[in-house]
Amino acid sequence: MSGVGPVEPGEGTRAWDAGEPPPGSRQELPHERLAAFCARHRRAVLACTAAAVLLAGGGYLFATRPQSPPDPVPYPSQVIDIHYLGEEGRPANASRGSFTFAVRVTAESGPAVSVVGISQPYAGLSLTSVPRPPFRTRTGFGHKIIVTMNVTECANTPRNAGLPFLDVTLRNTRAIEDHSYILGERYAHDFAQALQVACGNDHPSLAKR
């Protein structure tokens, strides 16, 4: 009898049920795909992880590094310059034995400096100024101060003083300090001339410095 029937599986072969995928055709699950990807790219993943750890560690060290202290504010006498400008006309109410001159006070840097007081060390003289202390300076700006010295006792005036000076009290956010400023030879000459006119030549010099 001739005819074609169903093909029987040969030796070593297997008939697959309908709906069962043959080998190699099964779809991988998500976690399986991730495992396969990590296996294929293991070196790249390790390198990226190490780089992330280094960056995080470097950021932490930068954020927690010791902070250097800010530069200290200088003492007021370190930034104040006082320059002698010369003689000025006597105020209307000044006595005959007075000496009026101008100085320029400049704060060269740092925070504002206040001039708390201006004085002189000689017992035979009194001193006034315009403006009258206390007053504040502006950094980088020269302030003109008019100073008038009045002779109160010729016997105690330093007519032979080589380099007379002014005592100035200064204050800023760091300190308050007294500082003596020598105004130079020109001031010394004008100062001696004024005392000579006020007191003449018949009084001994009893300078008190």
Foldseek 3Di string as FASTA:
>chain_A
DDDDDDDDDDPPDDDDDPPDDDPPPDDDDVVVVVVVVCVVCVVVVVVVVVVVVVVVVVVVCVVPPDDDDDDDFDDQVVFKDKAWDFFDDDDPPADLLKTKGKIKIARADGDKKWWAQKAFFWPQKGKAKVVGDGDIHDHPDIDMMMMMIGGRDLQGDALPDQFGWMWIWMDDPPDIDIDTDGHDRNVNVSSNVSSCSNPPDPHDYDYDD
